[in-house]
N, C-alpha and C. Protein backbone atom coordinates (compact mmCIF):
# COMPACT_ATOMS: atom_id res chain seq x y z
N MET A 1 0.85 -1.18 0.00
CA MET A 1 0.00 0.00 0.00
C MET A 1 0.89 1.23 0.00
N SER A 2 0.62 2.19 -0.87
CA SER A 2 1.47 3.38 -0.97
C SER A 2 1.13 4.36 0.14
N GLY A 3 2.08 5.28 0.39
CA GLY A 3 1.91 6.23 1.47
C GLY A 3 1.27 7.54 1.05
N HIS A 4 0.74 7.64 -0.17
CA HIS A 4 0.10 8.89 -0.58
C HIS A 4 -1.32 8.65 -1.07
N ALA A 5 -2.12 9.68 -0.95
CA ALA A 5 -3.52 9.59 -1.37
C ALA A 5 -3.59 9.53 -2.89
N SER A 6 -4.59 8.84 -3.38
CA SER A 6 -4.77 8.72 -4.81
C SER A 6 -6.17 9.18 -5.17
N SER A 7 -6.31 9.89 -6.25
CA SER A 7 -7.60 10.38 -6.70
C SER A 7 -8.28 9.34 -7.57
N ALA A 8 -9.59 9.20 -7.42
CA ALA A 8 -10.34 8.29 -8.28
C ALA A 8 -10.27 8.72 -9.73
N PHE A 9 -10.03 10.02 -9.97
CA PHE A 9 -9.96 10.52 -11.34
C PHE A 9 -8.69 10.05 -12.03
N GLN A 10 -7.70 9.59 -11.27
CA GLN A 10 -6.49 9.05 -11.87
C GLN A 10 -6.78 7.74 -12.58
N ALA A 11 -7.92 7.12 -12.28
CA ALA A 11 -8.33 5.89 -12.94
C ALA A 11 -8.75 6.15 -14.38
N VAL A 12 -9.04 7.40 -14.70
CA VAL A 12 -9.41 7.78 -16.07
C VAL A 12 -8.45 8.87 -16.55
N PRO A 13 -7.14 8.58 -16.56
CA PRO A 13 -6.14 9.62 -16.84
C PRO A 13 -6.24 10.23 -18.23
N ALA A 14 -6.82 9.50 -19.16
CA ALA A 14 -6.89 10.03 -20.52
C ALA A 14 -8.00 11.06 -20.68
N LEU A 15 -8.95 11.10 -19.75
CA LEU A 15 -10.06 12.04 -19.88
C LEU A 15 -9.63 13.45 -19.52
N ARG A 16 -10.05 14.37 -20.34
CA ARG A 16 -9.76 15.79 -20.14
C ARG A 16 -11.08 16.52 -19.94
N VAL A 17 -10.97 17.74 -19.43
CA VAL A 17 -12.14 18.58 -19.19
C VAL A 17 -13.00 18.68 -20.44
N ALA A 18 -12.38 18.87 -21.60
CA ALA A 18 -13.13 19.04 -22.86
C ALA A 18 -14.04 17.87 -23.17
N GLU A 19 -13.71 16.68 -22.64
CA GLU A 19 -14.49 15.49 -22.96
C GLU A 19 -15.75 15.32 -22.11
N VAL A 20 -15.82 16.02 -20.97
CA VAL A 20 -16.98 15.83 -20.10
C VAL A 20 -17.74 17.12 -19.79
N MET A 21 -17.20 18.26 -20.18
CA MET A 21 -17.83 19.55 -19.88
C MET A 21 -19.08 19.75 -20.72
N HIS A 22 -19.91 20.70 -20.31
CA HIS A 22 -21.04 21.15 -21.12
C HIS A 22 -20.53 22.29 -22.00
N ARG A 23 -20.67 22.14 -23.30
CA ARG A 23 -20.20 23.17 -24.23
C ARG A 23 -21.19 24.32 -24.29
N GLY A 24 -20.65 25.53 -24.46
CA GLY A 24 -21.48 26.72 -24.50
C GLY A 24 -21.74 27.23 -23.09
N VAL A 25 -22.10 28.49 -23.00
CA VAL A 25 -22.42 29.07 -21.71
C VAL A 25 -23.71 29.87 -21.82
N VAL A 26 -24.44 29.89 -20.74
CA VAL A 26 -25.60 30.77 -20.63
C VAL A 26 -25.13 31.93 -19.78
N SER A 27 -25.25 33.13 -20.37
CA SER A 27 -24.71 34.31 -19.68
C SER A 27 -25.74 35.43 -19.61
N CYS A 28 -25.41 36.40 -18.78
CA CYS A 28 -26.24 37.59 -18.67
C CYS A 28 -25.34 38.76 -18.30
N PRO A 29 -25.79 39.98 -18.58
CA PRO A 29 -25.02 41.16 -18.16
C PRO A 29 -25.09 41.34 -16.64
N ALA A 30 -24.08 41.97 -16.10
CA ALA A 30 -24.00 42.21 -14.65
C ALA A 30 -25.19 43.01 -14.15
N GLU A 31 -25.79 43.83 -14.99
CA GLU A 31 -26.91 44.69 -14.60
C GLU A 31 -28.24 43.96 -14.52
N GLU A 32 -28.30 42.72 -15.02
CA GLU A 32 -29.55 41.95 -15.06
C GLU A 32 -30.00 41.63 -13.63
N SER A 33 -31.30 41.55 -13.43
CA SER A 33 -31.82 41.22 -12.10
C SER A 33 -31.61 39.73 -11.81
N LEU A 34 -31.50 39.41 -10.54
CA LEU A 34 -31.39 38.00 -10.16
C LEU A 34 -32.68 37.25 -10.45
N GLU A 35 -33.80 37.95 -10.55
CA GLU A 35 -35.05 37.31 -10.96
C GLU A 35 -34.90 36.77 -12.39
N THR A 36 -34.28 37.56 -13.26
CA THR A 36 -34.04 37.12 -14.64
C THR A 36 -33.06 35.96 -14.67
N VAL A 37 -32.05 35.99 -13.80
CA VAL A 37 -31.09 34.89 -13.71
C VAL A 37 -31.82 33.61 -13.31
N ALA A 38 -32.72 33.70 -12.34
CA ALA A 38 -33.50 32.54 -11.91
C ALA A 38 -34.35 32.00 -13.06
N THR A 39 -34.94 32.90 -13.84
CA THR A 39 -35.74 32.50 -15.00
C THR A 39 -34.87 31.78 -16.02
N LEU A 40 -33.67 32.30 -16.27
CA LEU A 40 -32.73 31.65 -17.20
C LEU A 40 -32.38 30.24 -16.73
N MET A 41 -32.06 30.11 -15.46
CA MET A 41 -31.69 28.80 -14.92
C MET A 41 -32.84 27.81 -15.09
N SER A 42 -34.03 28.25 -14.78
CA SER A 42 -35.19 27.38 -14.88
C SER A 42 -35.47 27.00 -16.33
N ALA A 43 -35.45 27.97 -17.22
CA ALA A 43 -35.75 27.72 -18.63
C ALA A 43 -34.71 26.81 -19.29
N GLU A 44 -33.45 27.00 -18.94
CA GLU A 44 -32.36 26.23 -19.55
C GLU A 44 -32.01 24.96 -18.79
N GLN A 45 -32.65 24.76 -17.61
CA GLN A 45 -32.37 23.60 -16.76
C GLN A 45 -30.88 23.49 -16.43
N ILE A 46 -30.32 24.61 -15.91
CA ILE A 46 -28.91 24.69 -15.55
C ILE A 46 -28.78 25.14 -14.10
N HIS A 47 -27.59 25.01 -13.57
CA HIS A 47 -27.35 25.34 -12.16
C HIS A 47 -26.50 26.58 -11.97
N CYS A 48 -26.07 27.22 -13.06
CA CYS A 48 -25.32 28.47 -12.92
C CYS A 48 -25.42 29.29 -14.20
N VAL A 49 -25.24 30.59 -14.02
CA VAL A 49 -25.23 31.53 -15.15
C VAL A 49 -23.93 32.32 -15.04
N ILE A 50 -23.29 32.52 -16.18
CA ILE A 50 -22.05 33.28 -16.23
C ILE A 50 -22.42 34.76 -16.36
N VAL A 51 -21.85 35.58 -15.49
CA VAL A 51 -22.11 37.02 -15.51
C VAL A 51 -21.00 37.68 -16.30
N VAL A 52 -21.39 38.46 -17.32
CA VAL A 52 -20.42 39.09 -18.21
C VAL A 52 -20.59 40.61 -18.21
N HIS A 53 -19.58 41.28 -18.65
CA HIS A 53 -19.59 42.74 -18.72
C HIS A 53 -20.35 43.20 -19.95
N ASP A 54 -21.37 44.00 -19.75
CA ASP A 54 -22.16 44.59 -20.84
C ASP A 54 -22.63 43.57 -21.88
N GLY A 55 -22.92 42.36 -21.45
CA GLY A 55 -23.45 41.37 -22.36
C GLY A 55 -22.42 40.79 -23.31
N ASP A 56 -21.15 41.14 -23.17
CA ASP A 56 -20.09 40.63 -24.04
C ASP A 56 -19.59 39.30 -23.49
N SER A 57 -19.85 38.21 -24.20
CA SER A 57 -19.51 36.89 -23.68
C SER A 57 -18.00 36.68 -23.51
N GLY A 58 -17.20 37.58 -24.01
CA GLY A 58 -15.76 37.43 -23.87
C GLY A 58 -15.20 38.08 -22.64
N SER A 59 -15.99 38.89 -21.96
CA SER A 59 -15.50 39.63 -20.80
C SER A 59 -16.10 39.04 -19.53
N LEU A 60 -15.42 38.05 -18.99
CA LEU A 60 -15.92 37.26 -17.87
C LEU A 60 -15.82 38.02 -16.56
N TRP A 61 -16.91 38.02 -15.82
CA TRP A 61 -16.94 38.66 -14.49
C TRP A 61 -17.04 37.62 -13.39
N GLY A 62 -18.04 36.77 -13.47
CA GLY A 62 -18.25 35.83 -12.39
C GLY A 62 -19.34 34.83 -12.68
N VAL A 63 -19.78 34.15 -11.61
CA VAL A 63 -20.78 33.09 -11.73
C VAL A 63 -21.83 33.28 -10.63
N VAL A 64 -23.08 33.08 -10.99
CA VAL A 64 -24.17 33.01 -10.02
C VAL A 64 -24.72 31.59 -10.12
N SER A 65 -24.68 30.87 -9.00
CA SER A 65 -25.19 29.50 -8.98
C SER A 65 -26.60 29.48 -8.38
N ASP A 66 -27.24 28.34 -8.50
CA ASP A 66 -28.57 28.17 -7.91
C ASP A 66 -28.53 28.36 -6.40
N LEU A 67 -27.49 27.89 -5.76
CA LEU A 67 -27.36 28.08 -4.31
C LEU A 67 -27.17 29.55 -3.96
N ASP A 68 -26.42 30.28 -4.80
CA ASP A 68 -26.26 31.73 -4.59
C ASP A 68 -27.62 32.43 -4.67
N LEU A 69 -28.47 31.99 -5.60
CA LEU A 69 -29.82 32.58 -5.73
C LEU A 69 -30.66 32.33 -4.49
N VAL A 70 -30.58 31.11 -3.97
CA VAL A 70 -31.34 30.77 -2.77
C VAL A 70 -30.91 31.67 -1.60
N ALA A 71 -29.60 31.83 -1.45
CA ALA A 71 -29.09 32.68 -0.38
C ALA A 71 -29.53 34.13 -0.58
N ALA A 72 -29.45 34.62 -1.81
CA ALA A 72 -29.83 36.01 -2.10
C ALA A 72 -31.32 36.23 -1.84
N ALA A 73 -32.14 35.25 -2.19
CA ALA A 73 -33.59 35.37 -2.00
C ALA A 73 -33.97 35.43 -0.52
N SER A 74 -33.11 34.91 0.34
CA SER A 74 -33.41 34.95 1.77
C SER A 74 -33.14 36.33 2.36
N VAL A 75 -32.48 37.20 1.59
CA VAL A 75 -32.13 38.54 2.07
C VAL A 75 -33.16 39.57 1.61
N ARG A 76 -33.45 39.56 0.31
CA ARG A 76 -34.46 40.48 -0.24
C ARG A 76 -34.91 39.97 -1.61
N PRO A 77 -35.97 40.53 -2.17
CA PRO A 77 -36.51 40.03 -3.45
C PRO A 77 -35.45 40.03 -4.56
N LEU A 78 -35.46 38.97 -5.35
CA LEU A 78 -34.49 38.84 -6.44
C LEU A 78 -34.60 39.95 -7.47
N VAL A 79 -35.80 40.48 -7.66
CA VAL A 79 -35.98 41.55 -8.64
C VAL A 79 -35.22 42.81 -8.23
N ASP A 80 -34.91 42.94 -6.94
CA ASP A 80 -34.20 44.12 -6.43
C ASP A 80 -32.68 43.93 -6.38
N GLN A 81 -32.20 42.78 -6.84
CA GLN A 81 -30.76 42.49 -6.80
C GLN A 81 -30.22 42.27 -8.21
N ARG A 82 -28.97 42.62 -8.43
CA ARG A 82 -28.33 42.49 -9.74
C ARG A 82 -27.42 41.28 -9.79
N ALA A 83 -27.26 40.72 -10.99
CA ALA A 83 -26.39 39.56 -11.20
C ALA A 83 -24.95 39.86 -10.80
N GLY A 84 -24.52 41.09 -11.02
CA GLY A 84 -23.15 41.46 -10.69
C GLY A 84 -22.97 41.92 -9.25
N GLY A 85 -23.96 41.70 -8.42
CA GLY A 85 -23.91 42.12 -7.02
C GLY A 85 -23.30 41.07 -6.11
N THR A 86 -23.76 41.05 -4.88
CA THR A 86 -23.15 40.20 -3.86
C THR A 86 -23.42 38.70 -4.06
N ALA A 87 -24.40 38.33 -4.87
CA ALA A 87 -24.67 36.90 -5.12
C ALA A 87 -23.63 36.31 -6.07
N MET A 88 -22.99 37.15 -6.87
CA MET A 88 -22.01 36.68 -7.84
C MET A 88 -20.70 36.33 -7.15
N ARG A 89 -20.12 35.21 -7.59
CA ARG A 89 -18.80 34.81 -7.10
C ARG A 89 -17.81 34.95 -8.26
N PRO A 90 -16.55 35.23 -7.94
CA PRO A 90 -15.55 35.28 -9.03
C PRO A 90 -15.50 33.93 -9.74
N ALA A 91 -15.37 33.98 -11.05
CA ALA A 91 -15.30 32.74 -11.82
C ALA A 91 -13.96 32.05 -11.56
N VAL A 92 -14.02 30.75 -11.37
CA VAL A 92 -12.82 29.93 -11.29
C VAL A 92 -12.74 29.23 -12.65
N THR A 93 -11.61 29.38 -13.32
CA THR A 93 -11.50 28.90 -14.69
C THR A 93 -10.55 27.72 -14.82
N VAL A 94 -10.74 26.99 -15.90
CA VAL A 94 -9.91 25.84 -16.21
C VAL A 94 -9.80 25.74 -17.74
N ALA A 95 -8.70 25.20 -18.21
CA ALA A 95 -8.49 25.00 -19.65
C ALA A 95 -9.17 23.71 -20.09
N PRO A 96 -9.63 23.64 -21.34
CA PRO A 96 -10.25 22.41 -21.84
C PRO A 96 -9.29 21.22 -21.81
N SER A 97 -8.00 21.49 -21.89
CA SER A 97 -7.01 20.41 -21.92
C SER A 97 -6.62 19.90 -20.54
N ALA A 98 -7.11 20.52 -19.48
CA ALA A 98 -6.77 20.10 -18.12
C ALA A 98 -7.31 18.70 -17.84
N SER A 99 -6.62 17.97 -16.99
CA SER A 99 -7.08 16.64 -16.60
C SER A 99 -8.27 16.76 -15.64
N LEU A 100 -9.08 15.72 -15.59
CA LEU A 100 -10.19 15.72 -14.64
C LEU A 100 -9.68 15.74 -13.21
N ASP A 101 -8.55 15.10 -12.96
CA ASP A 101 -7.96 15.10 -11.64
C ASP A 101 -7.62 16.53 -11.21
N ALA A 102 -7.00 17.30 -12.12
CA ALA A 102 -6.65 18.69 -11.81
C ALA A 102 -7.90 19.53 -11.59
N ALA A 103 -8.93 19.31 -12.41
CA ALA A 103 -10.18 20.07 -12.27
C ALA A 103 -10.87 19.75 -10.95
N ALA A 104 -10.90 18.48 -10.57
CA ALA A 104 -11.52 18.08 -9.30
C ALA A 104 -10.77 18.70 -8.13
N SER A 105 -9.46 18.70 -8.21
CA SER A 105 -8.64 19.30 -7.16
C SER A 105 -8.91 20.80 -7.06
N LEU A 106 -9.03 21.47 -8.20
CA LEU A 106 -9.31 22.90 -8.22
C LEU A 106 -10.67 23.20 -7.59
N MET A 107 -11.68 22.41 -7.93
CA MET A 107 -13.01 22.58 -7.34
C MET A 107 -12.95 22.42 -5.83
N THR A 108 -12.24 21.41 -5.38
CA THR A 108 -12.13 21.14 -3.95
C THR A 108 -11.42 22.27 -3.22
N ARG A 109 -10.31 22.72 -3.77
CA ARG A 109 -9.53 23.80 -3.13
C ARG A 109 -10.29 25.11 -3.07
N THR A 110 -11.06 25.42 -4.10
CA THR A 110 -11.75 26.71 -4.17
C THR A 110 -13.19 26.65 -3.66
N GLY A 111 -13.71 25.46 -3.41
CA GLY A 111 -15.06 25.31 -2.88
C GLY A 111 -16.15 25.70 -3.86
N VAL A 112 -15.93 25.41 -5.15
CA VAL A 112 -16.95 25.72 -6.16
C VAL A 112 -17.45 24.44 -6.81
N ALA A 113 -18.67 24.49 -7.31
CA ALA A 113 -19.28 23.34 -7.98
C ALA A 113 -19.25 23.49 -9.50
N HIS A 114 -18.81 24.67 -9.98
CA HIS A 114 -18.77 24.94 -11.42
C HIS A 114 -17.47 25.63 -11.79
N LEU A 115 -16.79 25.09 -12.80
CA LEU A 115 -15.61 25.75 -13.35
C LEU A 115 -15.97 26.27 -14.73
N VAL A 116 -15.56 27.48 -15.03
CA VAL A 116 -15.78 28.03 -16.36
C VAL A 116 -14.60 27.59 -17.22
N VAL A 117 -14.91 26.91 -18.30
CA VAL A 117 -13.87 26.41 -19.20
C VAL A 117 -13.56 27.51 -20.21
N VAL A 118 -12.29 27.93 -20.23
CA VAL A 118 -11.88 29.07 -21.04
C VAL A 118 -10.88 28.63 -22.10
N ASP A 119 -11.13 29.03 -23.35
CA ASP A 119 -10.20 28.76 -24.43
C ASP A 119 -8.91 29.51 -24.14
N PRO A 120 -7.77 28.82 -24.10
CA PRO A 120 -6.52 29.46 -23.72
C PRO A 120 -6.00 30.46 -24.76
N VAL A 121 -6.41 30.33 -26.00
CA VAL A 121 -5.96 31.24 -27.05
C VAL A 121 -6.86 32.46 -27.14
N GLU A 122 -8.15 32.22 -27.28
CA GLU A 122 -9.10 33.34 -27.43
C GLU A 122 -9.49 33.97 -26.10
N ARG A 123 -9.22 33.26 -25.00
CA ARG A 123 -9.55 33.73 -23.65
C ARG A 123 -11.05 34.03 -23.50
N ARG A 124 -11.85 33.17 -24.10
CA ARG A 124 -13.30 33.28 -24.02
C ARG A 124 -13.86 32.01 -23.38
N PRO A 125 -14.95 32.15 -22.60
CA PRO A 125 -15.57 30.95 -22.04
C PRO A 125 -16.16 30.10 -23.15
N VAL A 126 -15.89 28.79 -23.10
CA VAL A 126 -16.40 27.87 -24.11
C VAL A 126 -17.32 26.81 -23.52
N GLY A 127 -17.41 26.78 -22.18
CA GLY A 127 -18.26 25.78 -21.54
C GLY A 127 -18.15 25.85 -20.03
N VAL A 128 -18.83 24.91 -19.39
CA VAL A 128 -18.84 24.81 -17.93
C VAL A 128 -18.62 23.35 -17.55
N LEU A 129 -17.79 23.14 -16.55
CA LEU A 129 -17.60 21.82 -15.97
C LEU A 129 -18.19 21.86 -14.57
N SER A 130 -19.14 20.95 -14.31
CA SER A 130 -19.79 20.93 -12.99
C SER A 130 -19.42 19.67 -12.22
N THR A 131 -19.74 19.67 -10.95
CA THR A 131 -19.51 18.49 -10.14
C THR A 131 -20.34 17.32 -10.66
N LEU A 132 -21.50 17.59 -11.24
CA LEU A 132 -22.30 16.52 -11.83
C LEU A 132 -21.59 15.91 -13.03
N ASP A 133 -20.90 16.72 -13.82
CA ASP A 133 -20.11 16.19 -14.93
C ASP A 133 -19.03 15.26 -14.42
N LEU A 134 -18.39 15.65 -13.31
CA LEU A 134 -17.35 14.81 -12.71
C LEU A 134 -17.95 13.52 -12.15
N ALA A 135 -19.14 13.61 -11.56
CA ALA A 135 -19.81 12.41 -11.06
C ALA A 135 -20.09 11.44 -12.20
N GLY A 136 -20.48 11.98 -13.34
CA GLY A 136 -20.73 11.14 -14.52
C GLY A 136 -19.47 10.45 -14.98
N ALA A 137 -18.34 11.16 -14.94
CA ALA A 137 -17.07 10.55 -15.33
C ALA A 137 -16.68 9.45 -14.36
N LEU A 138 -16.92 9.67 -13.07
CA LEU A 138 -16.62 8.65 -12.06
C LEU A 138 -17.51 7.42 -12.24
N ALA A 139 -18.77 7.64 -12.57
CA ALA A 139 -19.70 6.54 -12.74
C ALA A 139 -19.31 5.67 -13.92
N GLY A 140 -18.70 6.30 -14.94
CA GLY A 140 -18.29 5.56 -16.13
C GLY A 140 -16.92 4.95 -16.00
N ALA A 141 -16.19 5.25 -14.91
CA ALA A 141 -14.81 4.76 -14.76
C ALA A 141 -14.78 3.29 -14.41
């Protein structure tokens, strides 16, 4: 038995973020109400929305998750809060070529359930990797 911890994702070393992520992003401008963000999440059946500057999908600001919405709604009505306000968290990013092991480690260290996958050349978001995507990879391992 070895003396170091091993990740279950090392069992699928050939898998990269690009192979299990959701391609494309659902985004909104920072000025949008959290009520609109909630509507987007519900309509698209997603757990996070990417908040961008002035609606430009290339200018990444942060992420609002479903849990962030729940917390914000406990403070005051969502219609009175903006996507770029206190409910938004800074985006944690990962390259499409990163290993699933590295992505899982990054999620664990930063305490996030969603990583924004960013094209390293164009520096634009190209997708989202969620903990559910990682669970699917583990289930298939």
